[in-house]
Full PDB file with SEQRES, HELIX, SHEET, SSBOND, CRYST1, ORIGX, SCALE, CONECT and MASTER records, all heavy atoms in Angstrom:
SEQRES   1 A   38  THR GLY THR THR GLY ALA VAL ALA LYS ARG LEU ASP LEU          
SEQRES   2 A   38  GLN PHE ILE GLY ILE GLU GLN GLU ALA SER TYR VAL LYS          
SEQRES   3 A   38  ILE ALA THR ARG ARG ILE ALA ALA VAL THR PRO ILE              
HELIX    1 AA1 THR A    3  ARG A   10  1                                   8    
HELIX    2 AA2 ALA A   22  ALA A   33  1                                  12    
CRYST1    1.000    1.000    1.000  90.00  90.00  90.00 P 1           1          
ORIGX1      1.000000  0.000000  0.000000        0.00000                         
ORIGX2      0.000000  1.000000  0.000000        0.00000                         
ORIGX3      0.000000  0.000000  1.000000        0.00000                         
SCALE1      1.000000  0.000000  0.000000        0.00000                         
SCALE2      0.000000  1.000000  0.000000        0.00000                         
SCALE3      0.000000  0.000000  1.000000        0.00000                         
ATOM      1  N   THR A   1     -13.702  12.624   2.432  1.00  0.00           N  
ATOM      2  CA  THR A   1     -12.716  11.543   2.475  1.00  0.00           C  
ATOM      3  C   THR A   1     -13.263  10.222   1.937  1.00  0.00           C  
ATOM      4  O   THR A   1     -12.657   9.173   2.139  1.00  0.00           O  
ATOM      5  CB  THR A   1     -12.209  11.336   3.922  1.00  0.00           C  
ATOM      6  OG1 THR A   1     -13.332  11.131   4.793  1.00  0.00           O  
ATOM      7  CG2 THR A   1     -11.413  12.544   4.389  1.00  0.00           C  
ATOM      8  N   GLY A   2     -14.422  10.275   1.284  1.00  0.00           N  
ATOM      9  CA  GLY A   2     -14.869   9.129   0.494  1.00  0.00           C  
ATOM     10  C   GLY A   2     -15.704   8.074   1.189  1.00  0.00           C  
ATOM     11  O   GLY A   2     -15.751   6.922   0.725  1.00  0.00           O  
ATOM     12  N   THR A   3     -16.416   8.447   2.255  1.00  0.00           N  
ATOM     13  CA  THR A   3     -17.238   7.442   2.948  1.00  0.00           C  
ATOM     14  C   THR A   3     -18.272   6.836   2.013  1.00  0.00           C  
ATOM     15  O   THR A   3     -18.467   5.614   1.982  1.00  0.00           O  
ATOM     16  CB  THR A   3     -17.934   8.062   4.173  1.00  0.00           C  
ATOM     17  OG1 THR A   3     -16.948   8.607   5.057  1.00  0.00           O  
ATOM     18  CG2 THR A   3     -18.754   7.018   4.918  1.00  0.00           C  
ATOM     19  N   THR A   4     -18.949   7.675   1.229  1.00  0.00           N  
ATOM     20  CA  THR A   4     -19.963   7.166   0.304  1.00  0.00           C  
ATOM     21  C   THR A   4     -19.361   6.186  -0.689  1.00  0.00           C  
ATOM     22  O   THR A   4     -19.921   5.117  -0.955  1.00  0.00           O  
ATOM     23  CB  THR A   4     -20.641   8.325  -0.444  1.00  0.00           C  
ATOM     24  OG1 THR A   4     -21.231   9.213   0.510  1.00  0.00           O  
ATOM     25  CG2 THR A   4     -21.716   7.816  -1.383  1.00  0.00           C  
ATOM     26  N   GLY A   5     -18.220   6.519  -1.232  1.00  0.00           N  
ATOM     27  CA  GLY A   5     -17.568   5.637  -2.204  1.00  0.00           C  
ATOM     28  C   GLY A   5     -17.105   4.341  -1.587  1.00  0.00           C  
ATOM     29  O   GLY A   5     -17.218   3.266  -2.196  1.00  0.00           O  
ATOM     30  N   ALA A   6     -16.573   4.406  -0.366  1.00  0.00           N  
ATOM     31  CA  ALA A   6     -16.096   3.195   0.311  1.00  0.00           C  
ATOM     32  C   ALA A   6     -17.252   2.231   0.562  1.00  0.00           C  
ATOM     33  O   ALA A   6     -17.135   1.023   0.331  1.00  0.00           O  
ATOM     34  CB  ALA A   6     -15.410   3.567   1.623  1.00  0.00           C  
ATOM     35  N   VAL A   7     -18.376   2.771   1.019  1.00  0.00           N  
ATOM     36  CA  VAL A   7     -19.539   1.919   1.295  1.00  0.00           C  
ATOM     37  C   VAL A   7     -20.137   1.384  -0.004  1.00  0.00           C  
ATOM     38  O   VAL A   7     -20.503   0.211  -0.101  1.00  0.00           O  
ATOM     39  CB  VAL A   7     -20.595   2.695   2.103  1.00  0.00           C  
ATOM     40  CG1 VAL A   7     -21.877   1.879   2.248  1.00  0.00           C  
ATOM     41  CG2 VAL A   7     -20.042   3.060   3.472  1.00  0.00           C  
ATOM     42  N   ALA A   8     -20.242   2.252  -1.015  1.00  0.00           N  
ATOM     43  CA  ALA A   8     -20.788   1.809  -2.303  1.00  0.00           C  
ATOM     44  C   ALA A   8     -19.947   0.685  -2.895  1.00  0.00           C  
ATOM     45  O   ALA A   8     -20.482  -0.308  -3.406  1.00  0.00           O  
ATOM     46  CB  ALA A   8     -20.862   2.992  -3.264  1.00  0.00           C  
ATOM     47  N   LYS A   9     -18.634   0.811  -2.836  1.00  0.00           N  
ATOM     48  CA  LYS A   9     -17.770  -0.235  -3.378  1.00  0.00           C  
ATOM     49  C   LYS A   9     -17.930  -1.528  -2.596  1.00  0.00           C  
ATOM     50  O   LYS A   9     -18.011  -2.616  -3.187  1.00  0.00           O  
ATOM     51  CB  LYS A   9     -16.306   0.221  -3.345  1.00  0.00           C  
ATOM     52  CG  LYS A   9     -15.348  -0.816  -3.954  1.00  0.00           C  
ATOM     53  CD  LYS A   9     -13.903  -0.338  -3.932  1.00  0.00           C  
ATOM     54  CE  LYS A   9     -12.969  -1.407  -4.484  1.00  0.00           C  
ATOM     55  NZ  LYS A   9     -11.547  -0.972  -4.441  1.00  0.00           N  
ATOM     56  N   ARG A  10     -18.002  -1.430  -1.270  1.00  0.00           N  
ATOM     57  CA  ARG A  10     -18.168  -2.638  -0.453  1.00  0.00           C  
ATOM     58  C   ARG A  10     -19.482  -3.336  -0.790  1.00  0.00           C  
ATOM     59  O   ARG A  10     -19.552  -4.567  -0.792  1.00  0.00           O  
ATOM     60  CB  ARG A  10     -18.113  -2.272   1.030  1.00  0.00           C  
ATOM     61  CG  ARG A  10     -18.373  -3.437   1.962  1.00  0.00           C  
ATOM     62  CD  ARG A  10     -17.825  -3.169   3.361  1.00  0.00           C  
ATOM     63  NE  ARG A  10     -18.323  -1.932   3.914  1.00  0.00           N  
ATOM     64  CZ  ARG A  10     -19.468  -1.816   4.606  1.00  0.00           C  
ATOM     65  NH1 ARG A  10     -20.228  -2.884   4.782  1.00  0.00           N  
ATOM     66  NH2 ARG A  10     -19.836  -0.667   5.112  1.00  0.00           N  
ATOM     67  N   LEU A  11     -20.526  -2.555  -1.092  1.00  0.00           N  
ATOM     68  CA  LEU A  11     -21.833  -3.131  -1.428  1.00  0.00           C  
ATOM     69  C   LEU A  11     -21.979  -3.406  -2.924  1.00  0.00           C  
ATOM     70  O   LEU A  11     -23.082  -3.680  -3.407  1.00  0.00           O  
ATOM     71  CB  LEU A  11     -22.943  -2.185  -0.954  1.00  0.00           C  
ATOM     72  CG  LEU A  11     -23.011  -1.961   0.563  1.00  0.00           C  
ATOM     73  CD1 LEU A  11     -24.085  -0.945   0.908  1.00  0.00           C  
ATOM     74  CD2 LEU A  11     -23.263  -3.277   1.290  1.00  0.00           C  
ATOM     75  N   ASP A  12     -20.869  -3.314  -3.660  1.00  0.00           N  
ATOM     76  CA  ASP A  12     -20.834  -3.648  -5.083  1.00  0.00           C  
ATOM     77  C   ASP A  12     -21.758  -2.763  -5.911  1.00  0.00           C  
ATOM     78  O   ASP A  12     -22.421  -3.219  -6.841  1.00  0.00           O  
ATOM     79  CB  ASP A  12     -21.188  -5.123  -5.297  1.00  0.00           C  
ATOM     80  CG  ASP A  12     -20.655  -5.652  -6.640  1.00  0.00           C  
ATOM     81  OD1 ASP A  12     -19.664  -5.090  -7.128  1.00  0.00           O  
ATOM     82  OD2 ASP A  12     -21.234  -6.593  -7.189  1.00  0.00           O  
ATOM     83  N   LEU A  13     -21.786  -1.459  -5.575  1.00  0.00           N  
ATOM     84  CA  LEU A  13     -22.526  -0.466  -6.353  1.00  0.00           C  
ATOM     85  C   LEU A  13     -21.541   0.466  -7.041  1.00  0.00           C  
ATOM     86  O   LEU A  13     -20.361   0.534  -6.696  1.00  0.00           O  
ATOM     87  CB  LEU A  13     -23.449   0.350  -5.442  1.00  0.00           C  
ATOM     88  CG  LEU A  13     -24.629  -0.393  -4.812  1.00  0.00           C  
ATOM     89  CD1 LEU A  13     -25.272   0.479  -3.748  1.00  0.00           C  
ATOM     90  CD2 LEU A  13     -25.654  -0.769  -5.857  1.00  0.00           C  
ATOM     91  N   GLN A  14     -22.039   1.216  -7.997  1.00  0.00           N  
ATOM     92  CA  GLN A  14     -21.226   2.192  -8.697  1.00  0.00           C  
ATOM     93  C   GLN A  14     -21.356   3.552  -8.017  1.00  0.00           C  
ATOM     94  O   GLN A  14     -22.401   3.871  -7.458  1.00  0.00           O  
ATOM     95  CB  GLN A  14     -21.674   2.303 -10.155  1.00  0.00           C  
ATOM     96  CG  GLN A  14     -21.634   0.988 -10.918  1.00  0.00           C  
ATOM     97  CD  GLN A  14     -22.184   1.138 -12.312  1.00  0.00           C  
ATOM     98  OE1 GLN A  14     -21.525   1.657 -13.202  1.00  0.00           O  
ATOM     99  NE2 GLN A  14     -23.417   0.692 -12.510  1.00  0.00           N  
ATOM    100  N   PHE A  15     -20.299   4.347  -8.085  1.00  0.00           N  
ATOM    101  CA  PHE A  15     -20.353   5.657  -7.446  1.00  0.00           C  
ATOM    102  C   PHE A  15     -19.622   6.704  -8.290  1.00  0.00           C  
ATOM    103  O   PHE A  15     -18.764   6.380  -9.120  1.00  0.00           O  
ATOM    104  CB  PHE A  15     -19.733   5.613  -6.042  1.00  0.00           C  
ATOM    105  CG  PHE A  15     -18.226   5.459  -6.043  1.00  0.00           C  
ATOM    106  CD1 PHE A  15     -17.382   6.566  -6.096  1.00  0.00           C  
ATOM    107  CD2 PHE A  15     -17.641   4.197  -6.006  1.00  0.00           C  
ATOM    108  CE1 PHE A  15     -16.005   6.424  -6.110  1.00  0.00           C  
ATOM    109  CE2 PHE A  15     -16.263   4.033  -6.023  1.00  0.00           C  
ATOM    110  CZ  PHE A  15     -15.442   5.162  -6.077  1.00  0.00           C  
ATOM    111  N   ILE A  16     -19.995   7.944  -8.045  1.00  0.00           N  
ATOM    112  CA  ILE A  16     -19.285   9.108  -8.572  1.00  0.00           C  
ATOM    113  C   ILE A  16     -19.156  10.090  -7.424  1.00  0.00           C  
ATOM    114  O   ILE A  16     -20.145  10.413  -6.760  1.00  0.00           O  
ATOM    115  CB  ILE A  16     -20.030   9.770  -9.740  1.00  0.00           C  
ATOM    116  CG1 ILE A  16     -20.184   8.806 -10.915  1.00  0.00           C  
ATOM    117  CG2 ILE A  16     -19.304  11.039 -10.186  1.00  0.00           C  
ATOM    118  CD1 ILE A  16     -21.083   9.339 -12.018  1.00  0.00           C  
ATOM    119  N   GLY A  17     -17.957  10.550  -7.165  1.00  0.00           N  
ATOM    120  CA  GLY A  17     -17.737  11.543  -6.117  1.00  0.00           C  
ATOM    121  C   GLY A  17     -17.166  12.823  -6.699  1.00  0.00           C  
ATOM    122  O   GLY A  17     -16.362  12.779  -7.628  1.00  0.00           O  
ATOM    123  N   ILE A  18     -17.610  13.955  -6.157  1.00  0.00           N  
ATOM    124  CA  ILE A  18     -17.068  15.255  -6.550  1.00  0.00           C  
ATOM    125  C   ILE A  18     -16.501  15.911  -5.299  1.00  0.00           C  
ATOM    126  O   ILE A  18     -17.178  15.995  -4.277  1.00  0.00           O  
ATOM    127  CB  ILE A  18     -18.152  16.159  -7.178  1.00  0.00           C  
ATOM    128  CG1 ILE A  18     -18.772  15.489  -8.399  1.00  0.00           C  
ATOM    129  CG2 ILE A  18     -17.563  17.520  -7.539  1.00  0.00           C  
ATOM    130  CD1 ILE A  18     -19.950  16.255  -8.989  1.00  0.00           C  
ATOM    131  N   GLU A  19     -15.260  16.356  -5.371  1.00  0.00           N  
ATOM    132  CA  GLU A  19     -14.614  16.962  -4.206  1.00  0.00           C  
ATOM    133  C   GLU A  19     -13.652  18.065  -4.667  1.00  0.00           C  
ATOM    134  O   GLU A  19     -12.840  17.840  -5.561  1.00  0.00           O  
ATOM    135  CB  GLU A  19     -13.864  15.901  -3.405  1.00  0.00           C  
ATOM    136  CG  GLU A  19     -13.061  16.419  -2.232  1.00  0.00           C  
ATOM    137  CD  GLU A  19     -13.888  17.288  -1.299  1.00  0.00           C  
ATOM    138  OE1 GLU A  19     -14.975  16.852  -0.873  1.00  0.00           O  
ATOM    139  OE2 GLU A  19     -13.439  18.425  -1.015  1.00  0.00           O  
ATOM    140  N   GLN A  20     -13.750  19.237  -4.034  1.00  0.00           N  
ATOM    141  CA  GLN A  20     -12.928  20.368  -4.456  1.00  0.00           C  
ATOM    142  C   GLN A  20     -11.566  20.430  -3.764  1.00  0.00           C  
ATOM    143  O   GLN A  20     -10.636  21.066  -4.267  1.00  0.00           O  
ATOM    144  CB  GLN A  20     -13.674  21.680  -4.200  1.00  0.00           C  
ATOM    145  CG  GLN A  20     -13.881  22.024  -2.739  1.00  0.00           C  
ATOM    146  CD  GLN A  20     -14.553  23.367  -2.544  1.00  0.00           C  
ATOM    147  OE1 GLN A  20     -14.985  23.998  -3.506  1.00  0.00           O  
ATOM    148  NE2 GLN A  20     -14.643  23.817  -1.298  1.00  0.00           N  
ATOM    149  N   GLU A  21     -11.429  19.758  -2.619  1.00  0.00           N  
ATOM    150  CA  GLU A  21     -10.170  19.813  -1.886  1.00  0.00           C  
ATOM    151  C   GLU A  21      -9.252  18.678  -2.328  1.00  0.00           C  
ATOM    152  O   GLU A  21      -9.574  17.500  -2.162  1.00  0.00           O  
ATOM    153  CB  GLU A  21     -10.429  19.720  -0.376  1.00  0.00           C  
ATOM    154  CG  GLU A  21     -11.327  20.806   0.190  1.00  0.00           C  
ATOM    155  CD  GLU A  21     -10.671  22.173   0.156  1.00  0.00           C  
ATOM    156  OE1 GLU A  21      -9.414  22.236   0.254  1.00  0.00           O  
ATOM    157  OE2 GLU A  21     -11.393  23.175   0.022  1.00  0.00           O  
ATOM    158  N   ALA A  22      -8.094  19.033  -2.856  1.00  0.00           N  
ATOM    159  CA  ALA A  22      -7.170  18.023  -3.380  1.00  0.00           C  
ATOM    160  C   ALA A  22      -6.713  17.048  -2.301  1.00  0.00           C  
ATOM    161  O   ALA A  22      -6.539  15.846  -2.563  1.00  0.00           O  
ATOM    162  CB  ALA A  22      -5.956  18.707  -4.006  1.00  0.00           C  
ATOM    163  N   SER A  23      -6.521  17.535  -1.069  1.00  0.00           N  
ATOM    164  CA  SER A  23      -6.066  16.654   0.009  1.00  0.00           C  
ATOM    165  C   SER A  23      -7.100  15.568   0.307  1.00  0.00           C  
ATOM    166  O   SER A  23      -6.744  14.413   0.570  1.00  0.00           O  
ATOM    167  CB  SER A  23      -5.782  17.471   1.271  1.00  0.00           C  
ATOM    168  OG  SER A  23      -6.954  18.159   1.705  1.00  0.00           O  
ATOM    169  N   TYR A  24      -8.389  15.926   0.245  1.00  0.00           N  
ATOM    170  CA  TYR A  24      -9.433  14.935   0.485  1.00  0.00           C  
ATOM    171  C   TYR A  24      -9.504  13.923  -0.655  1.00  0.00           C  
ATOM    172  O   TYR A  24      -9.762  12.735  -0.426  1.00  0.00           O  
ATOM    173  CB  TYR A  24     -10.792  15.608   0.646  1.00  0.00           C  
ATOM    174  CG  TYR A  24     -10.930  16.493   1.866  1.00  0.00           C  
ATOM    175  CD1 TYR A  24     -11.903  17.479   1.923  1.00  0.00           C  
ATOM    176  CD2 TYR A  24     -10.086  16.346   2.967  1.00  0.00           C  
ATOM    177  CE1 TYR A  24     -12.047  18.302   3.040  1.00  0.00           C  
ATOM    178  CE2 TYR A  24     -10.214  17.161   4.085  1.00  0.00           C  
ATOM    179  CZ  TYR A  24     -11.195  18.138   4.113  1.00  0.00           C  
ATOM    180  OH  TYR A  24     -11.334  18.947   5.209  1.00  0.00           O  
ATOM    181  N   VAL A  25      -9.279  14.385  -1.865  1.00  0.00           N  
ATOM    182  CA  VAL A  25      -9.297  13.476  -3.016  1.00  0.00           C  
ATOM    183  C   VAL A  25      -8.233  12.394  -2.850  1.00  0.00           C  
ATOM    184  O   VAL A  25      -8.479  11.208  -3.098  1.00  0.00           O  
ATOM    185  CB  VAL A  25      -9.089  14.256  -4.330  1.00  0.00           C  
ATOM    186  CG1 VAL A  25      -8.907  13.284  -5.507  1.00  0.00           C  
ATOM    187  CG2 VAL A  25     -10.262  15.192  -4.600  1.00  0.00           C  
ATOM    188  N   LYS A  26      -7.041  12.787  -2.410  1.00  0.00           N  
ATOM    189  CA  LYS A  26      -5.953  11.826  -2.219  1.00  0.00           C  
ATOM    190  C   LYS A  26      -6.309  10.804  -1.135  1.00  0.00           C  
ATOM    191  O   LYS A  26      -6.085   9.601  -1.292  1.00  0.00           O  
ATOM    192  CB  LYS A  26      -4.666  12.559  -1.841  1.00  0.00           C  
ATOM    193  CG  LYS A  26      -4.081  13.396  -2.967  1.00  0.00           C  
ATOM    194  CD  LYS A  26      -2.810  14.101  -2.512  1.00  0.00           C  
ATOM    195  CE  LYS A  26      -2.233  14.974  -3.626  1.00  0.00           C  
ATOM    196  NZ  LYS A  26      -1.024  15.701  -3.172  1.00  0.00           N  
ATOM    197  N   ILE A  27      -6.873  11.296  -0.036  1.00  0.00           N  
ATOM    198  CA  ILE A  27      -7.245  10.393   1.056  1.00  0.00           C  
ATOM    199  C   ILE A  27      -8.327   9.421   0.599  1.00  0.00           C  
ATOM    200  O   ILE A  27      -8.260   8.210   0.847  1.00  0.00           O  
ATOM    201  CB  ILE A  27      -7.727  11.202   2.275  1.00  0.00           C  
ATOM    202  CG1 ILE A  27      -6.571  12.006   2.868  1.00  0.00           C  
ATOM    203  CG2 ILE A  27      -8.338  10.281   3.330  1.00  0.00           C  
ATOM    204  CD1 ILE A  27      -6.996  13.029   3.908  1.00  0.00           C  
ATOM    205  N   ALA A  28      -9.357   9.960  -0.068  1.00  0.00           N  
ATOM    206  CA  ALA A  28     -10.467   9.122  -0.529  1.00  0.00           C  
ATOM    207  C   ALA A  28      -9.994   8.068  -1.529  1.00  0.00           C  
ATOM    208  O   ALA A  28     -10.451   6.919  -1.501  1.00  0.00           O  
ATOM    209  CB  ALA A  28     -11.552   9.992  -1.150  1.00  0.00           C  
ATOM    210  N   THR A  29      -9.084   8.451  -2.398  1.00  0.00           N  
ATOM    211  CA  THR A  29      -8.560   7.515  -3.407  1.00  0.00           C  
ATOM    212  C   THR A  29      -7.873   6.336  -2.731  1.00  0.00           C  
ATOM    213  O   THR A  29      -8.099   5.172  -3.085  1.00  0.00           O  
ATOM    214  CB  THR A  29      -7.587   8.232  -4.352  1.00  0.00           C  
ATOM    215  OG1 THR A  29      -8.272   9.311  -5.008  1.00  0.00           O  
ATOM    216  CG2 THR A  29      -7.047   7.279  -5.401  1.00  0.00           C  
ATOM    217  N   ARG A  30      -7.023   6.615  -1.753  1.00  0.00           N  
ATOM    218  CA  ARG A  30      -6.331   5.548  -1.016  1.00  0.00           C  
ATOM    219  C   ARG A  30      -7.334   4.688  -0.245  1.00  0.00           C  
ATOM    220  O   ARG A  30      -7.224   3.453  -0.228  1.00  0.00           O  
ATOM    221  CB  ARG A  30      -5.311   6.147  -0.043  1.00  0.00           C  
ATOM    222  CG  ARG A  30      -4.130   6.838  -0.670  1.00  0.00           C  
ATOM    223  CD  ARG A  30      -2.993   6.999   0.341  1.00  0.00           C  
ATOM    224  NE  ARG A  30      -3.432   7.706   1.544  1.00  0.00           N  
ATOM    225  CZ  ARG A  30      -3.330   9.016   1.721  1.00  0.00           C  
ATOM    226  NH1 ARG A  30      -2.811   9.786   0.760  1.00  0.00           N  
ATOM    227  NH2 ARG A  30      -3.718   9.587   2.844  1.00  0.00           N  
ATOM    228  N   ARG A  31      -8.264   5.342   0.387  1.00  0.00           N  
ATOM    229  CA  ARG A  31      -9.242   4.628   1.220  1.00  0.00           C  
ATOM    230  C   ARG A  31     -10.075   3.647   0.393  1.00  0.00           C  
ATOM    231  O   ARG A  31     -10.249   2.490   0.767  1.00  0.00           O  
ATOM    232  CB  ARG A  31     -10.139   5.655   1.902  1.00  0.00           C  
ATOM    233  CG  ARG A  31     -11.249   5.066   2.753  1.00  0.00           C  
ATOM    234  CD  ARG A  31     -12.131   6.174   3.285  1.00  0.00           C  
ATOM    235  NE  ARG A  31     -13.158   5.699   4.193  1.00  0.00           N  
ATOM    236  CZ  ARG A  31     -14.078   6.475   4.739  1.00  0.00           C  
ATOM    237  NH1 ARG A  31     -14.087   7.784   4.462  1.00  0.00           N  
ATOM    238  NH2 ARG A  31     -14.995   5.972   5.555  1.00  0.00           N  
ATOM    239  N   ILE A  32     -10.585   4.110  -0.722  1.00  0.00           N  
ATOM    240  CA  ILE A  32     -11.464   3.276  -1.545  1.00  0.00           C  
ATOM    241  C   ILE A  32     -10.682   2.138  -2.203  1.00  0.00           C  
ATOM    242  O   ILE A  32     -11.195   1.034  -2.369  1.00  0.00           O  
ATOM    243  CB  ILE A  32     -12.193   4.146  -2.576  1.00  0.00           C  
ATOM    244  CG1 ILE A  32     -13.142   5.109  -1.848  1.00  0.00           C  
ATOM    245  CG2 ILE A  32     -12.968   3.299  -3.587  1.00  0.00           C  
ATOM    246  CD1 ILE A  32     -13.718   6.195  -2.723  1.00  0.00           C  
ATOM    247  N   ALA A  33      -9.440   2.398  -2.560  1.00  0.00           N  
ATOM    248  CA  ALA A  33      -8.612   1.354  -3.181  1.00  0.00           C  
ATOM    249  C   ALA A  33      -8.422   0.175  -2.246  1.00  0.00           C  
ATOM    250  O   ALA A  33      -8.237  -0.965  -2.694  1.00  0.00           O  
ATOM    251  CB  ALA A  33      -7.264   1.932  -3.588  1.00  0.00           C  
ATOM    252  N   ALA A  34      -8.488   0.416  -0.952  1.00  0.00           N  
ATOM    253  CA  ALA A  34      -8.269  -0.652   0.027  1.00  0.00           C  
ATOM    254  C   ALA A  34      -9.530  -1.447   0.349  1.00  0.00           C  
ATOM    255  O   ALA A  34      -9.476  -2.434   1.096  1.00  0.00           O  
ATOM    256  CB  ALA A  34      -7.712  -0.053   1.316  1.00  0.00           C  
ATOM    257  N   VAL A  35     -10.683  -1.044  -0.208  1.00  0.00           N  
ATOM    258  CA  VAL A  35     -11.956  -1.709   0.099  1.00  0.00           C  
ATOM    259  C   VAL A  35     -12.136  -2.941  -0.778  1.00  0.00           C  
ATOM    260  O   VAL A  35     -11.917  -2.894  -1.992  1.00  0.00           O  
ATOM    261  CB  VAL A  35     -13.139  -0.740  -0.118  1.00  0.00           C  
ATOM    262  CG1 VAL A  35     -14.471  -1.477   0.019  1.00  0.00           C  
ATOM    263  CG2 VAL A  35     -13.062   0.412   0.874  1.00  0.00           C  
ATOM    264  N   THR A  36     -12.549  -4.043  -0.172  1.00  0.00           N  
ATOM    265  CA  THR A  36     -12.855  -5.274  -0.915  1.00  0.00           C  
ATOM    266  C   THR A  36     -14.369  -5.413  -1.017  1.00  0.00           C  
ATOM    267  O   THR A  36     -15.058  -5.466   0.008  1.00  0.00           O  
ATOM    268  CB  THR A  36     -12.284  -6.505  -0.206  1.00  0.00           C  
ATOM    269  OG1 THR A  36     -10.863  -6.364  -0.097  1.00  0.00           O  
ATOM    270  CG2 THR A  36     -12.616  -7.779  -0.975  1.00  0.00           C  
ATOM    271  N   PRO A  37     -14.919  -5.486  -2.237  1.00  0.00           N  
ATOM    272  CA  PRO A  37     -16.375  -5.613  -2.374  1.00  0.00           C  
ATOM    273  C   PRO A  37     -16.885  -6.958  -1.870  1.00  0.00           C  
ATOM    274  O   PRO A  37     -16.166  -7.955  -1.874  1.00  0.00           O  
ATOM    275  CB  PRO A  37     -16.600  -5.488  -3.893  1.00  0.00           C  
ATOM    276  CG  PRO A  37     -15.335  -4.921  -4.447  1.00  0.00           C  
ATOM    277  CD  PRO A  37     -14.245  -5.372  -3.531  1.00  0.00           C  
ATOM    278  N   ILE A  38     -18.128  -6.963  -1.429  1.00  0.00           N  
ATOM    279  CA  ILE A  38     -18.814  -8.218  -1.118  1.00  0.00           C  
ATOM    280  C   ILE A  38     -19.203  -8.833  -2.451  1.00  0.00           C  
ATOM    281  O   ILE A  38     -19.990  -8.263  -3.206  1.00  0.00           O  
ATOM    282  CB  ILE A  38     -20.067  -7.965  -0.254  1.00  0.00           C  
ATOM    283  CG1 ILE A  38     -19.673  -7.318   1.074  1.00  0.00           C  
ATOM    284  CG2 ILE A  38     -20.835  -9.258  -0.020  1.00  0.00           C  
ATOM    285  CD1 ILE A  38     -20.851  -6.837   1.894  1.00  0.00           C  
TER     286      ILE A  38                                                      
MASTER        0    0    0    2    0    0    0    6  285    1    0    3          
END                                                                             
């Protein structure tokens, strides 16, 4: 569900995530979009 991506974005780092479950991809996409970087 994108914990690594959410934290990386908040810390202003770049990330790449690989996920095979489509439902998790949708959740992670929404979650990360809502993160504001420092």
